[in-house]
Amino acid sequence: MRFEGLDLNLLIALDAILEERSVMGASRRLHLSQPAMSAAIGRLRQYFNDEIFTISQRKLWPTPLAQSLEKPTRDILLRIRSNLISPPKFDPESSERRFRLVVSDYASIVLMHAVMKRVYLTAPRVGLEILAFSDRVEDQLQRGEVDFVVIPSTSLIDGHPSQHLFADEFCCVAWSGSRQIGRSISLRRYLQVGHITAQLGPIRGLSFDERALAQLGHRRRIEVIAPNFTAMAAMVIGTDRIATMHHRLAAIFARNFPLKLLRVPVRFPAFRESLQWPASFHMDPALMWLREIITGVAAEVERTPAAKMRIG
């Protein structure tokens, strides 16, 4: 299809190349041969009368014109997908759609397990793909590569709609057999003992409790960095270390593992979880349906005290 002399298929090729920065990566993404992708680059150069890309160290580097085309191209493709390609109606009972969500292991247990069950009861053929956080989450949302992100309200991504889900507090988790840690812990002891913290995604950054402590002028001893919140809880078992965790998740673990929960000797701000989705798909009937289920389950989580939390 052409519009004012431009083959619109070239916009798909341009978007893939801008994302992958390589002919091989773009060709794999679009299931094209490398010669076909190279030909697409040639046609882009001819149409725009610009090199579009230069090659350096085996990578494609966009020219200033190509950089200026990146956002408009992405927006056009997203609007085509959301307004023309996506079906106008959504029938949960017959749909086989697969939704992709970026969710932490915390929200997977506290929220998504119940969401999954509710989706199964009303739409048994619908699939849910739960993805871990990465350093690409903003780009995934911008490109419409994911349908939803369950994210802390302090980390919301600009330019996309969001909705509050539920709030949580924090507590300390320790092994129930530890003789060094009793049923309560002072601030001095809290700062002395070894801590286990979590790293979500490939880039290590300050966790919520580290930031709060730093603002108060305190510093704790981090001895273990776990890959997620679930591992944090398991890793304190058999040690005299502690972990600072979301209270709802910790209460669930304490019923299934030899753990004890202690009040945090520092006043941390409440944790608020939010739901975010691509702005271009705001009116997608399927996303509106799933959004209603997620927010409905979240409202139940919000009303449930941490001590009474159950999986599902």
C-alpha atoms as a PDB file:
ATOM      1  CA  MET A   1       0.000   0.000   0.000  1.00  0.00           C
ATOM      2  CA  ARG A   2       1.295   3.431  -0.935  1.00  0.00           C
ATOM      3  CA  PHE A   3       0.521   6.856   0.495  1.00  0.00           C
ATOM      4  CA  GLU A   4       1.835   9.825  -1.502  1.00  0.00           C
ATOM      5  CA  GLY A   5       4.462   7.599  -3.062  1.00  0.00           C
ATOM      6  CA  LEU A   6       5.579   5.929   0.197  1.00  0.00           C
ATOM      7  CA  ASP A   7       5.172   2.163   0.555  1.00  0.00           C
ATOM      8  CA  LEU A   8       3.718   1.916   4.073  1.00  0.00           C
ATOM      9  CA  ASN A   9       5.453  -1.432   4.552  1.00  0.00           C
ATOM     10  CA  LEU A  10       8.680   0.577   4.712  1.00  0.00           C
ATOM     11  CA  LEU A  11       7.483   2.197   7.937  1.00  0.00           C
ATOM     12  CA  ILE A  12       7.393  -1.255   9.541  1.00  0.00           C
ATOM     13  CA  ALA A  13      10.938  -1.869   8.329  1.00  0.00           C
ATOM     14  CA  LEU A  14      12.064   1.559   9.552  1.00  0.00           C
ATOM     15  CA  ASP A  15      10.566   0.965  12.991  1.00  0.00           C
ATOM     16  CA  ALA A  16      12.272  -2.440  13.296  1.00  0.00           C
ATOM     17  CA  ILE A  17      15.658  -1.072  12.229  1.00  0.00           C
ATOM     18  CA  LEU A  18      15.418   1.866  14.637  1.00  0.00           C
ATOM     19  CA  GLU A  19      14.715  -0.595  17.435  1.00  0.00           C
ATOM     20  CA  GLU A  20      17.267  -3.298  16.578  1.00  0.00           C
ATOM     21  CA  ARG A  21      20.065  -1.130  15.155  1.00  0.00           C
ATOM     22  CA  SER A  22      21.106  -4.024  12.902  1.00  0.00           C
ATOM     23  CA  VAL A  23      19.961  -5.520   9.621  1.00  0.00           C
ATOM     24  CA  MET A  24      20.112  -9.035  11.056  1.00  0.00           C
ATOM     25  CA  GLY A  25      18.058  -8.143  14.134  1.00  0.00           C
ATOM     26  CA  ALA A  26      15.421  -6.294  12.110  1.00  0.00           C
ATOM     27  CA  SER A  27      15.153  -9.097   9.540  1.00  0.00           C
ATOM     28  CA  ARG A  28      14.648 -11.676  12.304  1.00  0.00           C
ATOM     29  CA  ARG A  29      12.011  -9.524  13.946  1.00  0.00           C
ATOM     30  CA  LEU A  30      10.039  -9.177  10.708  1.00  0.00           C
ATOM     31  CA  HIS A  31      10.813 -12.702   9.448  1.00  0.00           C
ATOM     32  CA  LEU A  32      12.511 -11.334   6.332  1.00  0.00           C
ATOM     33  CA  SER A  33      15.793 -12.258   4.686  1.00  0.00           C
ATOM     34  CA  GLN A  34      18.739  -9.934   5.185  1.00  0.00           C
ATOM     35  CA  PRO A  35      18.827  -9.045   1.468  1.00  0.00           C
ATOM     36  CA  ALA A  36      15.146  -8.060   1.671  1.00  0.00           C
ATOM     37  CA  MET A  37      15.839  -5.862   4.690  1.00  0.00           C
ATOM     38  CA  SER A  38      18.844  -4.290   2.970  1.00  0.00           C
ATOM     39  CA  ALA A  39      16.621  -3.553  -0.012  1.00  0.00           C
ATOM     40  CA  ALA A  40      14.107  -1.869   2.297  1.00  0.00           C
ATOM     41  CA  ILE A  41      16.861   0.380   3.658  1.00  0.00           C
ATOM     42  CA  GLY A  42      17.790   1.283   0.090  1.00  0.00           C
ATOM     43  CA  ARG A  43      14.216   2.238  -0.727  1.00  0.00           C
ATOM     44  CA  LEU A  44      13.974   4.328   2.462  1.00  0.00           C
ATOM     45  CA  ARG A  45      17.138   6.176   1.469  1.00  0.00           C
ATOM     46  CA  GLN A  46      15.737   6.831  -1.984  1.00  0.00           C
ATOM     47  CA  TYR A  47      12.371   8.098  -0.745  1.00  0.00           C
ATOM     48  CA  PHE A  48      13.730  10.404   1.969  1.00  0.00           C
ATOM     49  CA  ASN A  49      16.852  11.377   0.013  1.00  0.00           C
ATOM     50  CA  ASP A  50      18.882  10.672   3.136  1.00  0.00           C
ATOM     51  CA  GLU A  51      21.342   7.997   4.207  1.00  0.00           C
ATOM     52  CA  ILE A  52      18.961   7.057   7.065  1.00  0.00           C
ATOM     53  CA  PHE A  53      21.744   4.988   8.672  1.00  0.00           C
ATOM     54  CA  THR A  54      25.502   4.871   8.728  1.00  0.00           C
ATOM     55  CA  ILE A  55      27.493   1.788   9.688  1.00  0.00           C
ATOM     56  CA  SER A  56      30.059   1.898  12.492  1.00  0.00           C
ATOM     57  CA  GLN A  57      31.474  -1.052  14.424  1.00  0.00           C
ATOM     58  CA  ARG A  58      28.934  -3.367  12.765  1.00  0.00           C
ATOM     59  CA  LYS A  59      26.000  -1.298  14.039  1.00  0.00           C
ATOM     60  CA  LEU A  60      23.578   0.954  12.219  1.00  0.00           C
ATOM     61  CA  TRP A  61      23.514   4.512  13.522  1.00  0.00           C
ATOM     62  CA  PRO A  62      20.498   6.644  12.551  1.00  0.00           C
ATOM     63  CA  THR A  63      21.030   9.989  10.924  1.00  0.00           C
ATOM     64  CA  PRO A  64      19.373  13.078  12.445  1.00  0.00           C
ATOM     65  CA  LEU A  65      16.484  12.674   9.985  1.00  0.00           C
ATOM     66  CA  ALA A  66      15.984   9.018  10.987  1.00  0.00           C
ATOM     67  CA  GLN A  67      15.996  10.006  14.645  1.00  0.00           C
ATOM     68  CA  SER A  68      13.315  12.606  13.972  1.00  0.00           C
ATOM     69  CA  LEU A  69      11.191   9.926  12.258  1.00  0.00           C
ATOM     70  CA  GLU A  70      11.392   7.424  15.130  1.00  0.00           C
ATOM     71  CA  LYS A  71       8.541   8.670  17.332  1.00  0.00           C
ATOM     72  CA  PRO A  72       6.111   9.603  14.500  1.00  0.00           C
ATOM     73  CA  THR A  73       6.679   6.211  12.856  1.00  0.00           C
ATOM     74  CA  ARG A  74       6.035   4.368  16.102  1.00  0.00           C
ATOM     75  CA  ASP A  75       2.892   6.422  16.809  1.00  0.00           C
ATOM     76  CA  ILE A  76       1.505   5.780  13.313  1.00  0.00           C
ATOM     77  CA  LEU A  77       1.999   2.021  13.571  1.00  0.00           C
ATOM     78  CA  LEU A  78       0.464   1.880  17.038  1.00  0.00           C
ATOM     79  CA  ARG A  79      -2.588   3.820  15.891  1.00  0.00           C
ATOM     80  CA  ILE A  80      -3.028   1.559  12.862  1.00  0.00           C
ATOM     81  CA  ARG A  81      -2.821  -1.485  15.095  1.00  0.00           C
ATOM     82  CA  SER A  82      -5.215  -0.156  17.734  1.00  0.00           C
ATOM     83  CA  ASN A  83      -7.792   1.487  15.423  1.00  0.00           C
ATOM     84  CA  LEU A  84      -7.782  -0.598  12.249  1.00  0.00           C
ATOM     85  CA  ILE A  85      -6.341  -4.035  12.971  1.00  0.00           C
ATOM     86  CA  SER A  86      -7.690  -4.764  16.463  1.00  0.00           C
ATOM     87  CA  PRO A  87     -11.245  -6.188  16.377  1.00  0.00           C
ATOM     88  CA  PRO A  88     -13.911  -3.634  17.456  1.00  0.00           C
ATOM     89  CA  LYS A  89     -15.569  -6.113  19.840  1.00  0.00           C
ATOM     90  CA  PHE A  90     -14.207  -8.558  22.378  1.00  0.00           C
ATOM     91  CA  ASP A  91     -15.937 -11.794  23.338  1.00  0.00           C
ATOM     92  CA  PRO A  92     -14.171 -13.275  26.398  1.00  0.00           C
ATOM     93  CA  GLU A  93     -15.788 -16.703  26.075  1.00  0.00           C
ATOM     94  CA  SER A  94     -14.507 -17.331  22.542  1.00  0.00           C
ATOM     95  CA  SER A  95     -11.364 -15.175  22.439  1.00  0.00           C
ATOM     96  CA  GLU A  96      -7.932 -16.786  22.232  1.00  0.00           C
ATOM     97  CA  ARG A  97      -6.055 -13.532  22.742  1.00  0.00           C
ATOM     98  CA  ARG A  98      -2.817 -13.592  24.709  1.00  0.00           C
ATOM     99  CA  PHE A  99      -2.143 -10.637  26.997  1.00  0.00           C
ATOM    100  CA  ARG A 100       1.413  -9.671  27.934  1.00  0.00           C
ATOM    101  CA  LEU A 101       1.991  -8.094  31.357  1.00  0.00           C
ATOM    102  CA  VAL A 102       5.151  -6.906  33.107  1.00  0.00           C
ATOM    103  CA  VAL A 103       4.714  -7.840  36.772  1.00  0.00           C
ATOM    104  CA  SER A 104       7.056  -8.362  39.739  1.00  0.00           C
ATOM    105  CA  ASP A 105       6.943 -11.636  41.647  1.00  0.00           C
ATOM    106  CA  TYR A 106       5.373  -9.669  44.522  1.00  0.00           C
ATOM    107  CA  ALA A 107       2.396  -8.573  42.426  1.00  0.00           C
ATOM    108  CA  SER A 108       2.254 -11.999  40.735  1.00  0.00           C
ATOM    109  CA  ILE A 109       1.492 -13.635  44.081  1.00  0.00           C
ATOM    110  CA  VAL A 110      -0.531 -10.917  45.814  1.00  0.00           C
ATOM    111  CA  LEU A 111      -2.568  -9.820  42.768  1.00  0.00           C
ATOM    112  CA  MET A 112      -2.114 -11.793  39.555  1.00  0.00           C
ATOM    113  CA  HIS A 113      -2.770 -15.264  40.926  1.00  0.00           C
ATOM    114  CA  ALA A 114      -6.370 -14.257  41.685  1.00  0.00           C
ATOM    115  CA  VAL A 115      -6.611 -12.372  38.371  1.00  0.00           C
ATOM    116  CA  MET A 116      -5.482 -15.499  36.529  1.00  0.00           C
ATOM    117  CA  LYS A 117      -8.204 -17.582  38.192  1.00  0.00           C
ATOM    118  CA  ARG A 118     -10.898 -15.038  37.395  1.00  0.00           C
ATOM    119  CA  VAL A 119      -9.791 -14.772  33.774  1.00  0.00           C
ATOM    120  CA  TYR A 120      -9.874 -18.566  33.461  1.00  0.00           C
ATOM    121  CA  LEU A 121     -13.452 -18.749  34.749  1.00  0.00           C
ATOM    122  CA  THR A 122     -14.790 -16.134  32.301  1.00  0.00           C
ATOM    123  CA  ALA A 123     -12.426 -16.593  29.345  1.00  0.00           C
ATOM    124  CA  PRO A 124     -10.893 -20.104  29.406  1.00  0.00           C
ATOM    125  CA  ARG A 125      -9.080 -19.695  26.072  1.00  0.00           C
ATOM    126  CA  VAL A 126      -7.447 -16.361  26.890  1.00  0.00           C
ATOM    127  CA  GLY A 127      -3.724 -16.541  27.702  1.00  0.00           C
ATOM    128  CA  LEU A 128      -1.642 -14.459  30.115  1.00  0.00           C
ATOM    129  CA  GLU A 129       2.093 -14.037  29.597  1.00  0.00           C
ATOM    130  CA  ILE A 130       3.766 -12.645  32.722  1.00  0.00           C
ATOM    131  CA  LEU A 131       7.076 -10.916  31.981  1.00  0.00           C
ATOM    132  CA  ALA A 132       9.787  -9.896  34.419  1.00  0.00           C
ATOM    133  CA  PHE A 133      10.912  -6.284  34.730  1.00  0.00           C
ATOM    134  CA  SER A 134      13.827  -5.236  32.548  1.00  0.00           C
ATOM    135  CA  ASP A 135      15.526  -2.015  31.531  1.00  0.00           C
ATOM    136  CA  ARG A 136      13.279  -2.011  28.415  1.00  0.00           C
ATOM    137  CA  VAL A 137       9.938  -1.694  30.184  1.00  0.00           C
ATOM    138  CA  GLU A 138       9.416   1.945  29.156  1.00  0.00           C
ATOM    139  CA  ASP A 139      10.168   1.134  25.528  1.00  0.00           C
ATOM    140  CA  GLN A 140       7.945  -1.974  25.666  1.00  0.00           C
ATOM    141  CA  LEU A 141       5.070   0.170  26.861  1.00  0.00           C
ATOM    142  CA  GLN A 142       5.733   2.898  24.314  1.00  0.00           C
ATOM    143  CA  ARG A 143       5.859   0.401  21.448  1.00  0.00           C
ATOM    144  CA  GLY A 144       2.769  -1.458  22.585  1.00  0.00           C
ATOM    145  CA  GLU A 145       4.789  -4.648  23.013  1.00  0.00           C
ATOM    146  CA  VAL A 146       3.094  -5.227  26.396  1.00  0.00           C
ATOM    147  CA  ASP A 147      -0.520  -4.693  27.352  1.00  0.00           C
ATOM    148  CA  PHE A 148      -0.057  -3.786  31.013  1.00  0.00           C
ATOM    149  CA  VAL A 149       2.616  -2.967  33.556  1.00  0.00           C
ATOM    150  CA  VAL A 150       1.985  -3.376  37.287  1.00  0.00           C
ATOM    151  CA  ILE A 151       4.368  -0.810  38.705  1.00  0.00           C
ATOM    152  CA  PRO A 152       4.982   1.229  41.878  1.00  0.00           C
ATOM    153  CA  SER A 153       3.278   4.627  41.707  1.00  0.00           C
ATOM    154  CA  THR A 154       6.663   6.300  42.244  1.00  0.00           C
ATOM    155  CA  SER A 155       7.937   4.740  38.978  1.00  0.00           C
ATOM    156  CA  LEU A 156       5.052   5.505  36.604  1.00  0.00           C
ATOM    157  CA  ILE A 157       6.076   6.128  33.004  1.00  0.00           C
ATOM    158  CA  ASP A 158       5.185   9.517  31.524  1.00  0.00           C
ATOM    159  CA  GLY A 159       2.720   9.697  28.659  1.00  0.00           C
ATOM    160  CA  HIS A 160       0.601   6.632  29.460  1.00  0.00           C
ATOM    161  CA  PRO A 161      -2.637   6.276  31.454  1.00  0.00           C
ATOM    162  CA  SER A 162      -2.530   4.623  34.852  1.00  0.00           C
ATOM    163  CA  GLN A 163      -4.788   3.622  37.730  1.00  0.00           C
ATOM    164  CA  HIS A 164      -4.149   3.010  41.424  1.00  0.00           C
ATOM    165  CA  LEU A 165      -4.458  -0.646  42.464  1.00  0.00           C
ATOM    166  CA  PHE A 166      -3.705  -1.061  46.179  1.00  0.00           C
ATOM    167  CA  ALA A 167      -1.396   0.037  48.975  1.00  0.00           C
ATOM    168  CA  ASP A 168       0.847  -1.955  51.295  1.00  0.00           C
ATOM    169  CA  GLU A 169       3.129  -1.415  54.269  1.00  0.00           C
ATOM    170  CA  PHE A 170       6.553  -2.913  55.023  1.00  0.00           C
ATOM    171  CA  CYS A 171       7.795  -5.294  57.686  1.00  0.00           C
ATOM    172  CA  CYS A 172      10.967  -7.198  58.576  1.00  0.00           C
ATOM    173  CA  VAL A 173      11.204 -10.923  57.902  1.00  0.00           C
ATOM    174  CA  ALA A 174      13.521 -13.188  59.911  1.00  0.00           C
ATOM    175  CA  TRP A 175      14.024 -16.926  60.390  1.00  0.00           C
ATOM    176  CA  SER A 176      11.803 -18.190  63.198  1.00  0.00           C
ATOM    177  CA  GLY A 177      14.714 -20.241  64.572  1.00  0.00           C
ATOM    178  CA  SER A 178      17.109 -17.311  64.903  1.00  0.00           C
ATOM    179  CA  ARG A 179      18.300 -16.727  68.455  1.00  0.00           C
ATOM    180  CA  GLN A 180      19.916 -13.422  67.538  1.00  0.00           C
ATOM    181  CA  ILE A 181      16.664 -11.817  66.414  1.00  0.00           C
ATOM    182  CA  GLY A 182      13.663 -11.764  68.736  1.00  0.00           C
ATOM    183  CA  ARG A 183      10.083 -10.638  68.196  1.00  0.00           C
ATOM    184  CA  SER A 184      11.101  -7.003  67.849  1.00  0.00           C
ATOM    185  CA  ILE A 185      14.147  -5.154  66.581  1.00  0.00           C
ATOM    186  CA  SER A 186      15.594  -1.745  67.437  1.00  0.00           C
ATOM    187  CA  LEU A 187      16.920   0.691  64.878  1.00  0.00           C
ATOM    188  CA  ARG A 188      20.470   0.125  66.128  1.00  0.00           C
ATOM    189  CA  ARG A 189      20.141  -3.648  65.748  1.00  0.00           C
ATOM    190  CA  TYR A 190      18.390  -3.221  62.393  1.00  0.00           C
ATOM    191  CA  LEU A 191      21.399  -1.333  61.049  1.00  0.00           C
ATOM    192  CA  GLN A 192      23.898  -3.839  62.527  1.00  0.00           C
ATOM    193  CA  VAL A 193      22.524  -7.146  61.235  1.00  0.00           C
ATOM    194  CA  GLY A 194      23.049  -8.440  57.726  1.00  0.00           C
ATOM    195  CA  HIS A 195      20.293  -7.671  55.217  1.00  0.00           C
ATOM    196  CA  ILE A 196      18.977  -9.451  52.162  1.00  0.00           C
ATOM    197  CA  THR A 197      17.587  -7.242  49.413  1.00  0.00           C
ATOM    198  CA  ALA A 198      16.261  -7.838  45.904  1.00  0.00           C
ATOM    199  CA  GLN A 199      17.292  -6.708  42.452  1.00  0.00           C
ATOM    200  CA  LEU A 200      14.534  -6.471  39.864  1.00  0.00           C
ATOM    201  CA  GLY A 201      15.883  -6.357  36.322  1.00  0.00           C
ATOM    202  CA  PRO A 202      19.492  -6.316  35.111  1.00  0.00           C
ATOM    203  CA  ILE A 203      20.432  -2.924  36.540  1.00  0.00           C
ATOM    204  CA  ARG A 204      21.125  -2.681  40.258  1.00  0.00           C
ATOM    205  CA  GLY A 205      19.555   0.417  41.788  1.00  0.00           C
ATOM    206  CA  LEU A 206      18.608   1.579  45.251  1.00  0.00           C
ATOM    207  CA  SER A 207      15.671  -0.331  46.708  1.00  0.00           C
ATOM    208  CA  PHE A 208      12.763   1.453  48.386  1.00  0.00           C
ATOM    209  CA  ASP A 209      14.157   0.854  51.892  1.00  0.00           C
ATOM    210  CA  GLU A 210      17.675   1.927  50.921  1.00  0.00           C
ATOM    211  CA  ARG A 211      16.324   5.220  49.578  1.00  0.00           C
ATOM    212  CA  ALA A 212      14.231   5.815  52.695  1.00  0.00           C
ATOM    213  CA  LEU A 213      17.157   5.042  54.998  1.00  0.00           C
ATOM    214  CA  ALA A 214      19.502   7.264  52.998  1.00  0.00           C
ATOM    215  CA  GLN A 215      17.074  10.182  53.346  1.00  0.00           C
ATOM    216  CA  LEU A 216      17.177   9.677  57.120  1.00  0.00           C
ATOM    217  CA  GLY A 217      20.970   9.503  57.147  1.00  0.00           C
ATOM    218  CA  HIS A 218      21.129   5.761  57.904  1.00  0.00           C
ATOM    219  CA  ARG A 219      22.997   2.977  56.171  1.00  0.00           C
ATOM    220  CA  ARG A 220      22.463  -0.771  56.572  1.00  0.00           C
ATOM    221  CA  ARG A 221      24.619  -3.820  55.860  1.00  0.00           C
ATOM    222  CA  ILE A 222      23.562  -5.551  52.646  1.00  0.00           C
ATOM    223  CA  GLU A 223      25.087  -9.024  52.591  1.00  0.00           C
ATOM    224  CA  VAL A 224      22.960 -10.783  49.961  1.00  0.00           C
ATOM    225  CA  ILE A 225      21.240  -9.496  46.814  1.00  0.00           C
ATOM    226  CA  ALA A 226      18.454 -11.863  45.739  1.00  0.00           C
ATOM    227  CA  PRO A 227      16.921 -11.984  42.235  1.00  0.00           C
ATOM    228  CA  ASN A 228      13.382 -11.304  43.518  1.00  0.00           C
ATOM    229  CA  PHE A 229      11.213 -10.863  46.623  1.00  0.00           C
ATOM    230  CA  THR A 230      10.322 -14.554  46.851  1.00  0.00           C
ATOM    231  CA  ALA A 231      13.978 -15.525  47.077  1.00  0.00           C
ATOM    232  CA  MET A 232      14.534 -12.888  49.770  1.00  0.00           C
ATOM    233  CA  ALA A 233      12.078 -14.613  52.097  1.00  0.00           C
ATOM    234  CA  ALA A 234      13.596 -18.063  51.531  1.00  0.00           C
ATOM    235  CA  MET A 235      17.172 -16.850  51.949  1.00  0.00           C
ATOM    236  CA  VAL A 236      16.742 -15.628  55.526  1.00  0.00           C
ATOM    237  CA  ILE A 237      15.895 -19.180  56.664  1.00  0.00           C
ATOM    238  CA  GLY A 238      18.729 -20.742  58.654  1.00  0.00           C
ATOM    239  CA  THR A 239      20.497 -17.388  59.109  1.00  0.00           C
ATOM    240  CA  ASP A 240      20.465 -14.383  61.437  1.00  0.00           C
ATOM    241  CA  ARG A 241      19.863 -12.026  58.521  1.00  0.00           C
ATOM    242  CA  ILE A 242      16.678 -10.069  57.906  1.00  0.00           C
ATOM    243  CA  ALA A 243      14.806  -8.811  54.862  1.00  0.00           C
ATOM    244  CA  THR A 244      12.530  -5.792  54.584  1.00  0.00           C
ATOM    245  CA  MET A 245       9.470  -6.800  52.573  1.00  0.00           C
ATOM    246  CA  HIS A 246       5.942  -5.855  51.602  1.00  0.00           C
ATOM    247  CA  HIS A 247       3.682  -6.878  54.480  1.00  0.00           C
ATOM    248  CA  ARG A 248       1.045  -8.648  52.351  1.00  0.00           C
ATOM    249  CA  LEU A 249       3.609 -10.896  50.666  1.00  0.00           C
ATOM    250  CA  ALA A 250       5.504 -11.536  53.907  1.00  0.00           C
ATOM    251  CA  ALA A 251       2.285 -12.618  55.658  1.00  0.00           C
ATOM    252  CA  ILE A 252       1.623 -15.194  52.934  1.00  0.00           C
ATOM    253  CA  PHE A 253       5.161 -16.588  53.229  1.00  0.00           C
ATOM    254  CA  ALA A 254       5.021 -16.698  57.034  1.00  0.00           C
ATOM    255  CA  ARG A 255       2.172 -19.217  56.830  1.00  0.00           C
ATOM    256  CA  ASN A 256       4.208 -21.532  54.627  1.00  0.00           C
ATOM    257  CA  PHE A 257       7.819 -21.061  55.795  1.00  0.00           C
ATOM    258  CA  PRO A 258       9.568 -20.897  59.212  1.00  0.00           C
ATOM    259  CA  LEU A 259       9.513 -17.108  59.322  1.00  0.00           C
ATOM    260  CA  LYS A 260       8.596 -14.421  61.817  1.00  0.00           C
ATOM    261  CA  LEU A 261       7.481 -10.898  61.042  1.00  0.00           C
ATOM    262  CA  LEU A 262       8.757  -7.855  62.927  1.00  0.00           C
ATOM    263  CA  ARG A 263       7.802  -4.210  62.872  1.00  0.00           C
ATOM    264  CA  VAL A 264      10.271  -2.079  60.929  1.00  0.00           C
ATOM    265  CA  PRO A 265      12.021   0.345  63.340  1.00  0.00           C
ATOM    266  CA  VAL A 266      11.972   3.030  60.637  1.00  0.00           C
ATOM    267  CA  ARG A 267       8.897   4.804  59.273  1.00  0.00           C
ATOM    268  CA  PHE A 268       8.834   3.998  55.555  1.00  0.00           C
ATOM    269  CA  PRO A 269       6.319   5.650  53.210  1.00  0.00           C
ATOM    270  CA  ALA A 270       3.404   3.421  52.221  1.00  0.00           C
ATOM    271  CA  PHE A 271       3.932   1.411  49.047  1.00  0.00           C
ATOM    272  CA  ARG A 272       1.370   2.012  46.298  1.00  0.00           C
ATOM    273  CA  GLU A 273       1.006  -0.297  43.320  1.00  0.00           C
ATOM    274  CA  SER A 274      -0.447   1.009  40.052  1.00  0.00           C
ATOM    275  CA  LEU A 275      -1.562  -0.342  36.694  1.00  0.00           C
ATOM    276  CA  GLN A 276      -0.329   1.270  33.481  1.00  0.00           C
ATOM    277  CA  TRP A 277      -1.102   0.561  29.822  1.00  0.00           C
ATOM    278  CA  PRO A 278      -0.164   1.990  26.377  1.00  0.00           C
ATOM    279  CA  ALA A 279      -1.924   5.262  25.595  1.00  0.00           C
ATOM    280  CA  SER A 280      -2.565   4.128  22.012  1.00  0.00           C
ATOM    281  CA  PHE A 281      -4.648   1.161  23.207  1.00  0.00           C
ATOM    282  CA  HIS A 282      -6.660   3.033  25.824  1.00  0.00           C
ATOM    283  CA  MET A 283      -9.992   2.197  24.145  1.00  0.00           C
ATOM    284  CA  ASP A 284      -9.140  -1.380  23.126  1.00  0.00           C
ATOM    285  CA  PRO A 285     -12.206  -3.411  24.284  1.00  0.00           C
ATOM    286  CA  ALA A 286     -10.052  -6.392  25.267  1.00  0.00           C
ATOM    287  CA  LEU A 287      -7.757  -4.277  27.432  1.00  0.00           C
ATOM    288  CA  MET A 288     -10.747  -2.538  28.986  1.00  0.00           C
ATOM    289  CA  TRP A 289     -12.158  -5.964  29.910  1.00  0.00           C
ATOM    290  CA  LEU A 290      -8.931  -7.193  31.510  1.00  0.00           C
ATOM    291  CA  ARG A 291      -8.378  -3.831  33.204  1.00  0.00           C
ATOM    292  CA  GLU A 292     -11.750  -4.165  34.900  1.00  0.00           C
ATOM    293  CA  ILE A 293     -10.819  -7.613  36.223  1.00  0.00           C
ATOM    294  CA  ILE A 294      -7.413  -6.471  37.498  1.00  0.00           C
ATOM    295  CA  THR A 295      -8.792  -3.400  39.261  1.00  0.00           C
ATOM    296  CA  GLY A 296     -11.638  -5.449  40.732  1.00  0.00           C
ATOM    297  CA  VAL A 297      -9.214  -7.954  42.254  1.00  0.00           C
ATOM    298  CA  ALA A 298      -6.990  -5.092  43.437  1.00  0.00           C
ATOM    299  CA  ALA A 299      -9.927  -3.532  45.281  1.00  0.00           C
ATOM    300  CA  GLU A 300     -10.388  -6.817  47.153  1.00  0.00           C
ATOM    301  CA  VAL A 301      -6.675  -6.889  48.000  1.00  0.00           C
ATOM    302  CA  GLU A 302      -6.908  -3.327  49.304  1.00  0.00           C
ATOM    303  CA  ARG A 303      -9.771  -4.304  51.628  1.00  0.00           C
ATOM    304  CA  THR A 304      -7.986  -7.400  52.970  1.00  0.00           C
ATOM    305  CA  PRO A 305      -5.688  -6.888  55.995  1.00  0.00           C
ATOM    306  CA  ALA A 306      -2.170  -8.209  55.431  1.00  0.00           C
ATOM    307  CA  ALA A 307      -2.583 -10.798  58.194  1.00  0.00           C
ATOM    308  CA  LYS A 308      -5.506 -12.379  56.323  1.00  0.00           C
ATOM    309  CA  MET A 309      -3.912 -12.490  52.871  1.00  0.00           C
ATOM    310  CA  ARG A 310      -4.127 -15.808  51.011  1.00  0.00           C
ATOM    311  CA  ILE A 311      -2.781 -16.894  47.635  1.00  0.00           C
ATOM    312  CA  GLY A 312      -5.552 -16.511  45.085  1.00  0.00           C
END
